[in-house]
Each structure stands twice: as structure tokens, then as C-alpha cells.
N, C-alpha and C. Protein backbone atom coordinates (compact mmCIF):
# COMPACT_ATOMS: atom_id res chain seq x y z
N MET A 1 0.07 -6.33 21.56
CA MET A 1 0.16 -4.95 21.12
C MET A 1 1.62 -4.45 21.11
N GLY A 2 2.43 -4.99 22.02
CA GLY A 2 3.84 -4.61 22.06
C GLY A 2 4.56 -4.92 20.76
N PRO A 3 4.36 -6.12 20.20
CA PRO A 3 5.02 -6.43 18.93
C PRO A 3 4.61 -5.49 17.78
N LEU A 4 3.35 -5.06 17.78
CA LEU A 4 2.91 -4.12 16.74
C LEU A 4 3.63 -2.78 16.88
N LEU A 5 3.69 -2.24 18.08
CA LEU A 5 4.38 -0.97 18.29
C LEU A 5 5.86 -1.11 17.96
N ARG A 6 6.46 -2.20 18.38
CA ARG A 6 7.88 -2.43 18.09
C ARG A 6 8.13 -2.48 16.57
N THR A 7 7.23 -3.13 15.84
CA THR A 7 7.36 -3.22 14.38
C THR A 7 7.23 -1.84 13.75
N LEU A 8 6.27 -1.05 14.21
CA LEU A 8 6.10 0.30 13.66
C LEU A 8 7.32 1.17 13.95
N LEU A 9 7.89 1.02 15.13
CA LEU A 9 9.11 1.77 15.45
C LEU A 9 10.25 1.36 14.53
N HIS A 10 10.38 0.07 14.30
CA HIS A 10 11.44 -0.44 13.43
C HIS A 10 11.25 0.05 11.98
N LEU A 11 10.03 0.02 11.50
CA LEU A 11 9.77 0.41 10.11
C LEU A 11 9.90 1.91 9.85
N THR A 12 9.86 2.70 10.90
CA THR A 12 9.91 4.15 10.72
C THR A 12 11.27 4.76 11.04
N VAL A 13 12.27 3.95 11.23
CA VAL A 13 13.63 4.48 11.41
C VAL A 13 14.08 5.04 10.06
N PRO A 14 14.51 6.29 10.03
CA PRO A 14 14.91 6.87 8.75
C PRO A 14 16.16 6.20 8.18
N VAL A 15 16.22 6.15 6.88
CA VAL A 15 17.40 5.62 6.20
C VAL A 15 18.04 6.78 5.43
N PRO A 16 19.34 6.71 5.16
CA PRO A 16 20.06 7.84 4.57
C PRO A 16 19.48 8.37 3.25
N ILE A 17 18.86 7.52 2.44
CA ILE A 17 18.39 8.01 1.14
C ILE A 17 17.02 8.67 1.19
N GLN A 18 16.36 8.65 2.35
CA GLN A 18 15.04 9.27 2.47
C GLN A 18 15.15 10.78 2.53
N THR A 19 14.18 11.45 1.90
CA THR A 19 14.13 12.91 2.00
C THR A 19 13.08 13.36 3.00
N SER A 20 12.21 12.46 3.41
CA SER A 20 11.22 12.79 4.43
C SER A 20 10.96 11.55 5.29
N LEU A 21 10.37 11.78 6.45
CA LEU A 21 10.07 10.67 7.35
C LEU A 21 8.87 9.89 6.81
N PRO A 22 8.89 8.58 6.99
CA PRO A 22 7.74 7.78 6.51
C PRO A 22 6.48 8.09 7.30
N GLN A 23 5.35 7.94 6.64
CA GLN A 23 4.05 8.06 7.29
C GLN A 23 3.50 6.67 7.52
N VAL A 24 2.76 6.54 8.60
CA VAL A 24 2.07 5.30 8.90
C VAL A 24 0.58 5.60 8.82
N ILE A 25 -0.15 4.78 8.09
CA ILE A 25 -1.60 4.94 8.01
C ILE A 25 -2.22 3.76 8.76
N LEU A 26 -2.99 4.09 9.79
CA LEU A 26 -3.59 3.07 10.64
C LEU A 26 -5.11 3.15 10.57
N SER A 27 -5.73 2.02 10.41
CA SER A 27 -7.17 1.90 10.53
C SER A 27 -7.43 1.16 11.82
N TYR A 28 -8.39 1.64 12.59
CA TYR A 28 -8.65 1.05 13.89
C TYR A 28 -10.14 1.00 14.16
N LYS A 29 -10.62 -0.16 14.53
CA LYS A 29 -12.00 -0.34 14.96
C LYS A 29 -11.99 -0.71 16.43
N ILE A 30 -12.72 0.03 17.23
CA ILE A 30 -12.76 -0.24 18.67
C ILE A 30 -13.41 -1.60 18.89
N ARG A 31 -12.67 -2.47 19.58
CA ARG A 31 -13.20 -3.79 19.93
C ARG A 31 -13.21 -3.95 21.45
N SER A 32 -12.07 -3.71 22.06
CA SER A 32 -11.95 -3.79 23.51
C SER A 32 -11.03 -2.66 23.95
N LEU A 33 -11.61 -1.49 24.10
CA LEU A 33 -10.81 -0.30 24.39
C LEU A 33 -9.96 -0.47 25.64
N SER A 34 -10.47 -1.16 26.65
CA SER A 34 -9.69 -1.33 27.88
C SER A 34 -8.42 -2.14 27.62
N LYS A 35 -8.47 -3.09 26.70
CA LYS A 35 -7.29 -3.88 26.36
C LYS A 35 -6.38 -3.15 25.39
N GLU A 36 -6.95 -2.31 24.54
CA GLU A 36 -6.19 -1.63 23.49
C GLU A 36 -5.62 -0.28 23.93
N ALA A 37 -6.13 0.27 25.02
CA ALA A 37 -5.69 1.58 25.50
C ALA A 37 -4.18 1.66 25.76
N PRO A 38 -3.54 0.62 26.34
CA PRO A 38 -2.09 0.73 26.55
C PRO A 38 -1.31 0.94 25.25
N PHE A 39 -1.76 0.31 24.17
CA PHE A 39 -1.09 0.52 22.88
C PHE A 39 -1.17 1.99 22.48
N TRP A 40 -2.38 2.57 22.52
CA TRP A 40 -2.55 3.95 22.09
C TRP A 40 -1.81 4.92 23.00
N SER A 41 -1.77 4.62 24.28
CA SER A 41 -1.05 5.47 25.22
C SER A 41 0.44 5.49 24.90
N ALA A 42 1.00 4.33 24.57
CA ALA A 42 2.43 4.25 24.21
C ALA A 42 2.66 4.78 22.79
N PHE A 43 1.77 4.46 21.86
CA PHE A 43 1.91 4.91 20.48
C PHE A 43 2.03 6.43 20.41
N GLY A 44 1.20 7.13 21.18
CA GLY A 44 1.23 8.59 21.18
C GLY A 44 2.51 9.20 21.71
N LEU A 45 3.25 8.43 22.50
CA LEU A 45 4.55 8.91 22.97
C LEU A 45 5.57 8.92 21.83
N TRP A 46 5.51 7.93 20.97
CA TRP A 46 6.49 7.75 19.91
C TRP A 46 6.07 8.38 18.58
N PHE A 47 4.76 8.55 18.39
CA PHE A 47 4.24 9.05 17.11
C PHE A 47 3.30 10.22 17.33
N ALA A 48 3.34 11.18 16.42
CA ALA A 48 2.33 12.23 16.34
C ALA A 48 1.32 11.75 15.31
N PHE A 49 0.05 11.76 15.66
CA PHE A 49 -0.94 11.25 14.72
C PHE A 49 -2.18 12.13 14.70
N THR A 50 -2.84 12.13 13.56
CA THR A 50 -4.06 12.91 13.37
C THR A 50 -5.09 12.06 12.64
N PRO A 51 -6.36 12.31 12.90
CA PRO A 51 -7.39 11.57 12.18
C PRO A 51 -7.48 12.06 10.74
N VAL A 52 -7.85 11.14 9.85
CA VAL A 52 -8.10 11.52 8.46
C VAL A 52 -9.49 12.14 8.41
N LEU A 53 -9.58 13.31 7.80
CA LEU A 53 -10.85 14.01 7.67
C LEU A 53 -11.28 14.01 6.21
N VAL A 54 -12.57 13.95 5.99
CA VAL A 54 -13.12 13.97 4.63
C VAL A 54 -14.24 15.00 4.57
N ARG A 55 -14.53 15.43 3.35
CA ARG A 55 -15.62 16.37 3.13
C ARG A 55 -16.45 15.85 1.97
N ALA A 56 -17.74 16.03 2.03
CA ALA A 56 -18.63 15.55 0.98
C ALA A 56 -18.21 16.13 -0.37
N ARG A 57 -18.39 15.36 -1.43
CA ARG A 57 -18.00 15.79 -2.78
C ARG A 57 -19.06 16.63 -3.48
N SER A 58 -20.04 17.07 -2.79
CA SER A 58 -21.16 17.75 -3.42
C SER A 58 -20.76 19.03 -4.14
N GLY A 59 -19.54 19.47 -3.95
CA GLY A 59 -19.12 20.74 -4.56
C GLY A 59 -19.51 21.93 -3.71
N ASP A 60 -20.20 21.67 -2.65
CA ASP A 60 -20.63 22.72 -1.73
C ASP A 60 -19.48 23.04 -0.79
N SER A 61 -18.93 24.23 -0.93
CA SER A 61 -17.76 24.59 -0.10
C SER A 61 -18.13 24.77 1.37
N SER A 62 -19.43 24.80 1.65
CA SER A 62 -19.83 24.97 3.06
C SER A 62 -19.96 23.63 3.78
N SER A 63 -19.78 22.51 3.06
CA SER A 63 -19.89 21.22 3.73
C SER A 63 -18.76 21.07 4.75
N ARG A 64 -19.07 20.37 5.84
CA ARG A 64 -18.15 20.24 6.96
C ARG A 64 -17.12 19.14 6.71
N TRP A 65 -15.95 19.36 7.27
CA TRP A 65 -14.95 18.29 7.33
C TRP A 65 -15.37 17.38 8.46
N GLU A 66 -15.32 16.08 8.20
CA GLU A 66 -15.71 15.10 9.21
C GLU A 66 -14.68 14.00 9.28
N ARG A 67 -14.67 13.32 10.42
CA ARG A 67 -13.78 12.19 10.59
C ARG A 67 -14.19 11.10 9.60
N PHE A 68 -13.21 10.47 8.97
CA PHE A 68 -13.48 9.38 8.04
C PHE A 68 -14.32 8.31 8.74
N ASP A 69 -15.32 7.81 8.04
CA ASP A 69 -16.16 6.75 8.57
C ASP A 69 -16.36 5.72 7.47
N SER A 70 -16.11 4.47 7.79
CA SER A 70 -16.22 3.43 6.78
C SER A 70 -17.66 3.13 6.40
N GLY A 71 -18.62 3.60 7.18
CA GLY A 71 -20.01 3.35 6.89
C GLY A 71 -20.50 2.00 7.38
N GLY A 72 -19.62 1.21 7.96
CA GLY A 72 -20.00 -0.10 8.48
C GLY A 72 -20.49 0.00 9.91
N ASP A 73 -20.63 -1.14 10.53
CA ASP A 73 -21.06 -1.15 11.93
C ASP A 73 -19.86 -0.87 12.83
N GLY A 74 -20.09 -0.11 13.85
CA GLY A 74 -19.02 0.23 14.78
C GLY A 74 -18.18 1.39 14.28
N GLU A 75 -17.51 2.04 15.21
CA GLU A 75 -16.66 3.17 14.84
C GLU A 75 -15.33 2.70 14.29
N VAL A 76 -14.95 3.27 13.18
CA VAL A 76 -13.65 2.99 12.58
C VAL A 76 -12.90 4.31 12.48
N PHE A 77 -11.68 4.29 12.97
CA PHE A 77 -10.83 5.47 12.91
C PHE A 77 -9.76 5.24 11.86
N LEU A 78 -9.40 6.28 11.17
CA LEU A 78 -8.30 6.24 10.21
C LEU A 78 -7.35 7.36 10.60
N PHE A 79 -6.08 6.99 10.85
CA PHE A 79 -5.08 7.95 11.32
C PHE A 79 -3.88 7.98 10.38
N VAL A 80 -3.26 9.14 10.30
CA VAL A 80 -1.96 9.29 9.65
C VAL A 80 -0.99 9.66 10.76
N ALA A 81 0.11 8.92 10.84
CA ALA A 81 1.07 9.14 11.92
C ALA A 81 2.48 9.28 11.37
N ARG A 82 3.29 10.05 12.07
CA ARG A 82 4.71 10.19 11.79
C ARG A 82 5.45 10.03 13.10
N ARG A 83 6.55 9.38 13.01
CA ARG A 83 7.40 9.19 14.20
C ARG A 83 7.90 10.55 14.68
N ARG A 84 7.85 10.77 15.96
CA ARG A 84 8.38 12.02 16.55
C ARG A 84 9.89 12.03 16.34
N SER A 85 10.40 13.11 15.78
CA SER A 85 11.83 13.15 15.43
C SER A 85 12.73 12.98 16.65
N GLU A 86 12.32 13.48 17.80
CA GLU A 86 13.15 13.33 19.00
C GLU A 86 13.22 11.87 19.45
N SER A 87 12.24 11.05 19.02
CA SER A 87 12.20 9.66 19.47
C SER A 87 13.32 8.81 18.87
N PHE A 88 13.98 9.29 17.83
CA PHE A 88 15.07 8.53 17.24
C PHE A 88 16.27 8.43 18.18
N PHE A 89 16.29 9.25 19.21
CA PHE A 89 17.39 9.24 20.17
C PHE A 89 17.02 8.49 21.46
N TRP A 90 15.79 8.03 21.54
CA TRP A 90 15.34 7.31 22.72
C TRP A 90 15.69 5.83 22.59
N ILE A 91 15.88 5.19 23.72
CA ILE A 91 16.17 3.76 23.73
C ILE A 91 14.86 2.98 23.82
N VAL A 92 14.63 2.11 22.86
CA VAL A 92 13.43 1.28 22.84
C VAL A 92 13.69 0.08 23.76
N PRO A 93 12.87 -0.09 24.80
CA PRO A 93 13.10 -1.21 25.70
C PRO A 93 12.87 -2.55 24.99
N GLU A 94 13.59 -3.56 25.42
CA GLU A 94 13.45 -4.89 24.81
C GLU A 94 12.19 -5.60 25.28
N ASP A 95 11.70 -5.25 26.44
CA ASP A 95 10.52 -5.88 27.01
C ASP A 95 9.25 -5.20 26.51
N ASP A 96 8.30 -5.97 25.97
CA ASP A 96 7.07 -5.40 25.42
C ASP A 96 6.22 -4.71 26.48
N VAL A 97 6.18 -5.27 27.68
CA VAL A 97 5.40 -4.65 28.75
C VAL A 97 5.97 -3.27 29.07
N ALA A 98 7.29 -3.17 29.18
CA ALA A 98 7.93 -1.88 29.45
C ALA A 98 7.67 -0.90 28.30
N LEU A 99 7.72 -1.38 27.07
CA LEU A 99 7.46 -0.53 25.91
C LEU A 99 6.05 0.05 25.99
N LEU A 100 5.07 -0.79 26.30
CA LEU A 100 3.68 -0.32 26.40
C LEU A 100 3.44 0.56 27.63
N GLU A 101 4.33 0.50 28.59
CA GLU A 101 4.22 1.36 29.78
C GLU A 101 4.97 2.67 29.61
N GLY A 102 5.55 2.90 28.43
CA GLY A 102 6.20 4.18 28.14
C GLY A 102 7.65 4.28 28.54
N VAL A 103 8.24 3.18 28.99
CA VAL A 103 9.65 3.19 29.37
C VAL A 103 10.48 3.48 28.11
N GLY A 104 11.44 4.37 28.24
CA GLY A 104 12.29 4.74 27.12
C GLY A 104 11.80 5.97 26.38
N ALA A 105 10.50 6.18 26.37
CA ALA A 105 9.95 7.36 25.70
C ALA A 105 10.38 8.62 26.42
N ARG A 106 10.57 9.67 25.66
CA ARG A 106 11.06 10.96 26.16
C ARG A 106 12.43 10.83 26.80
N GLY A 107 13.12 9.72 26.50
CA GLY A 107 14.49 9.52 26.97
C GLY A 107 14.61 9.19 28.44
N THR A 108 13.51 8.72 29.07
CA THR A 108 13.58 8.40 30.49
C THR A 108 13.11 6.97 30.74
N GLU A 109 13.44 6.46 31.90
CA GLU A 109 13.05 5.11 32.29
C GLU A 109 11.71 5.09 33.04
N GLU A 110 11.14 6.27 33.30
CA GLU A 110 9.87 6.31 34.01
C GLU A 110 8.74 5.78 33.13
N ARG A 111 7.73 5.23 33.78
CA ARG A 111 6.54 4.80 33.07
C ARG A 111 5.67 6.02 32.82
N LYS A 112 5.11 6.09 31.62
CA LYS A 112 4.31 7.26 31.24
C LYS A 112 3.39 6.89 30.10
N GLY A 113 2.50 7.79 29.77
CA GLY A 113 1.59 7.54 28.66
C GLY A 113 1.17 8.85 28.01
N ASP A 114 0.55 8.72 26.87
CA ASP A 114 0.04 9.86 26.12
C ASP A 114 -1.48 9.73 26.05
N ASP A 115 -2.20 10.85 26.21
CA ASP A 115 -3.66 10.77 26.19
C ASP A 115 -4.27 11.30 24.89
N GLY A 116 -3.47 11.40 23.84
CA GLY A 116 -3.96 11.92 22.56
C GLY A 116 -5.12 11.14 21.98
N PHE A 117 -5.05 9.82 22.04
CA PHE A 117 -6.13 9.01 21.49
C PHE A 117 -7.41 9.19 22.30
N GLU A 118 -7.29 9.22 23.61
CA GLU A 118 -8.47 9.44 24.46
C GLU A 118 -9.09 10.79 24.17
N MET A 119 -8.26 11.80 23.94
CA MET A 119 -8.77 13.14 23.61
C MET A 119 -9.58 13.10 22.32
N LEU A 120 -9.07 12.37 21.32
CA LEU A 120 -9.80 12.25 20.05
C LEU A 120 -11.15 11.56 20.26
N LEU A 121 -11.18 10.56 21.11
CA LEU A 121 -12.44 9.88 21.39
C LEU A 121 -13.43 10.83 22.06
N LEU A 122 -12.94 11.62 22.98
CA LEU A 122 -13.81 12.54 23.71
C LEU A 122 -14.25 13.73 22.86
N MET A 123 -13.39 14.20 22.00
CA MET A 123 -13.70 15.40 21.20
C MET A 123 -14.70 15.12 20.10
N ARG A 124 -14.68 13.91 19.57
CA ARG A 124 -15.57 13.57 18.47
C ARG A 124 -15.48 14.64 17.39
N VAL A 125 -14.44 14.58 16.62
CA VAL A 125 -14.13 15.56 15.58
C VAL A 125 -15.32 15.81 14.67
N ASP A 126 -16.14 14.80 14.44
CA ASP A 126 -17.22 14.94 13.48
C ASP A 126 -18.53 15.48 14.06
N GLU A 127 -18.56 15.88 15.30
CA GLU A 127 -19.81 16.41 15.86
C GLU A 127 -19.69 17.87 16.15
């Protein structure tokens, strides 16, 4: 998971010709939340992300916005993320374990995490 986060950080560094920050679109299916939680905890430190919401096309303006669902087996999440602008000044640790433990995020060497993904799981946007 560390290499994935490191790659996303590298790909979202702004370049001089850009007029806006790049967006990252992530699709995620829960497989082993206990193993994947460290990635989401660290990801939320470096990126602000929101779930993609959809509304039925029935033309009925009273239809509810719901979290995107692929319709397959298991829960699939679709997120749009942008790198936090303050994170461009943070030092990305070279060690993947340290990166997943939040070292460098918020400009400090302390280990930390973000609970945004867990909040989304608990809130169940579509219910």
C-alpha cells in the first residue's frame, strides 16, 4: 500500500503549466479492511476526498442522491480526491512503513492518521 500512496503523491505534484490541481479518481472494493485501513488513514492526511454520488435518471427531482454502486457483489466505493495544498510543503518519508504511519504529514515526524474513510463507512451516505 505504501508504493501506491507514494505513486499518487508523485503524480499529484503540480507542474508550472497547470491551472488547477489534478484530481485522482479511485475505485475501491473492500477485501480486507484491517489490512487496507493503514492506507486510507494515511491517504486522508495527504488528500481530501469525497464519494461520488449519483441520482436516478428518472427525471424525478425528488430522487435521492446516493453513493455510487457498481451493482456487483460487495461494496464498491468511488472517490474523487485532490491533494491537500498544504501537503506540498511536507516531507514525504522514504520508508513506506513511516509513510503509512503518517510521518511527514502535517509537517511533523509524529505518527498520525486520518479517520475520514472510517467516517464514510459508518455514515453510509446512501442510507
